[in-house]
Each structure stands twice: as C-alpha cells, then as structure tokens.
Amino acid sequence: MELYFSLNVSYDAFLPYYQGLAEKVEVRDQQGRVLHINGKYFRAFLTPQGIQGRFKLMLNNDGSFKSLNKI
C-alpha cells in the first residue's frame, strides 16, 4: 500500500522525535486519513530548517512499515 502526504515541521518542533522523547508523528494523507508514523523514520530527512516536503509511505500487506521516501 502506498500513502502520500506532506509534512512541514520546524527543527525545534521535530527535536523531541529525533531524541526519542516523542514517538508518533501524526500526518493526514492525501485521502484524508490520519496516519501515526514513528518519528525515527523521519530522522534521515531532518535539516537545520526542519522537515519539509512530500512523502510516500509504503506499507507491507499486513500494514507494517516498509519504507518512507521523500518525493
């Protein structure tokens, strides 16, 4: 399953997720579904400006995480 969403969060707002103090990032996909994604999957996308862009979340058939890519 492929899910698409945008994310725009500042560096300071994402810091608790990067540090492991907060776990789930809540986003709304382009179909309007609310997704809760573990913050550790976004660490590779963190810049001094934060995290901005469109993303594609891939899930396995059982709904578990497969991959997250910036598009």
Protein backbone atom coordinates (compact mmCIF):
# COMPACT_ATOMS: atom_id res chain seq x y z
CA MET A 1 0.00 0.00 0.00
CA GLU A 2 1.25 3.48 -0.88
CA LEU A 3 0.22 6.56 1.11
CA TYR A 4 1.16 10.13 0.17
CA PHE A 5 1.34 13.15 2.45
CA SER A 6 3.10 16.46 3.00
CA LEU A 7 4.99 17.46 6.11
CA ASN A 8 6.26 20.86 7.20
CA VAL A 9 7.72 20.90 10.70
CA SER A 10 10.47 23.09 12.16
CA TYR A 11 13.73 21.72 13.52
CA ASP A 12 12.76 22.66 17.08
CA ALA A 13 9.31 21.07 16.78
CA PHE A 14 10.84 17.80 15.50
CA LEU A 15 13.65 17.63 18.07
CA PRO A 16 11.66 15.57 20.65
CA TYR A 17 11.03 12.93 17.95
CA TYR A 18 14.68 12.93 16.92
CA GLN A 19 15.74 12.47 20.54
CA GLY A 20 13.23 9.67 21.11
CA LEU A 21 11.27 11.69 23.69
CA ALA A 22 8.18 11.64 21.45
CA GLU A 23 7.28 8.69 19.25
CA LYS A 24 4.45 9.08 16.75
CA VAL A 25 4.21 11.82 14.16
CA GLU A 26 0.59 12.47 13.15
CA VAL A 27 0.00 13.36 9.50
CA ARG A 28 -3.01 13.39 7.19
CA ASP A 29 -2.57 11.66 3.84
CA GLN A 30 -3.96 12.99 0.56
CA GLN A 31 -7.09 10.85 1.04
CA GLY A 32 -7.77 12.50 4.40
CA ARG A 33 -6.73 9.52 6.54
CA VAL A 34 -4.87 10.25 9.78
CA LEU A 35 -1.58 8.35 10.00
CA HIS A 36 0.64 7.85 13.04
CA ILE A 37 4.21 7.22 11.93
CA ASN A 38 7.16 6.51 14.20
CA GLY A 39 9.35 9.62 14.30
CA LYS A 40 12.54 7.57 13.83
CA TYR A 41 11.64 7.07 10.16
CA PHE A 42 11.89 10.84 9.57
CA ARG A 43 15.37 11.31 11.08
CA ALA A 44 17.12 10.98 7.71
CA PHE A 45 15.09 13.90 6.35
CA LEU A 46 15.86 16.37 9.17
CA THR A 47 17.75 19.52 8.11
CA PRO A 48 18.58 22.67 10.09
CA GLN A 49 15.29 24.06 8.71
CA GLY A 50 13.31 21.03 9.89
CA ILE A 51 11.43 18.61 7.66
CA GLN A 52 9.56 19.89 4.62
CA GLY A 53 8.23 18.11 1.57
CA ARG A 54 6.02 15.42 0.10
CA PHE A 55 6.49 11.85 1.21
CA LYS A 56 5.46 8.36 0.12
CA LEU A 57 4.90 5.81 2.87
CA MET A 58 4.96 2.17 1.77
CA LEU A 59 3.28 -0.45 3.96
CA ASN A 60 3.50 -4.23 3.78
CA ASN A 61 0.34 -6.27 3.21
CA ASP A 62 -0.12 -6.59 6.97
CA GLY A 63 0.01 -2.79 7.41
CA SER A 64 3.54 -2.72 8.86
CA PHE A 65 6.18 -0.21 7.80
CA LYS A 66 8.08 -0.95 4.60
CA SER A 67 9.69 2.36 3.57
CA LEU A 68 9.42 6.14 3.65
CA ASN A 69 10.70 8.26 0.79
CA LYS A 70 10.73 11.95 0.05
CA ILE A 71 9.28 12.61 -3.41
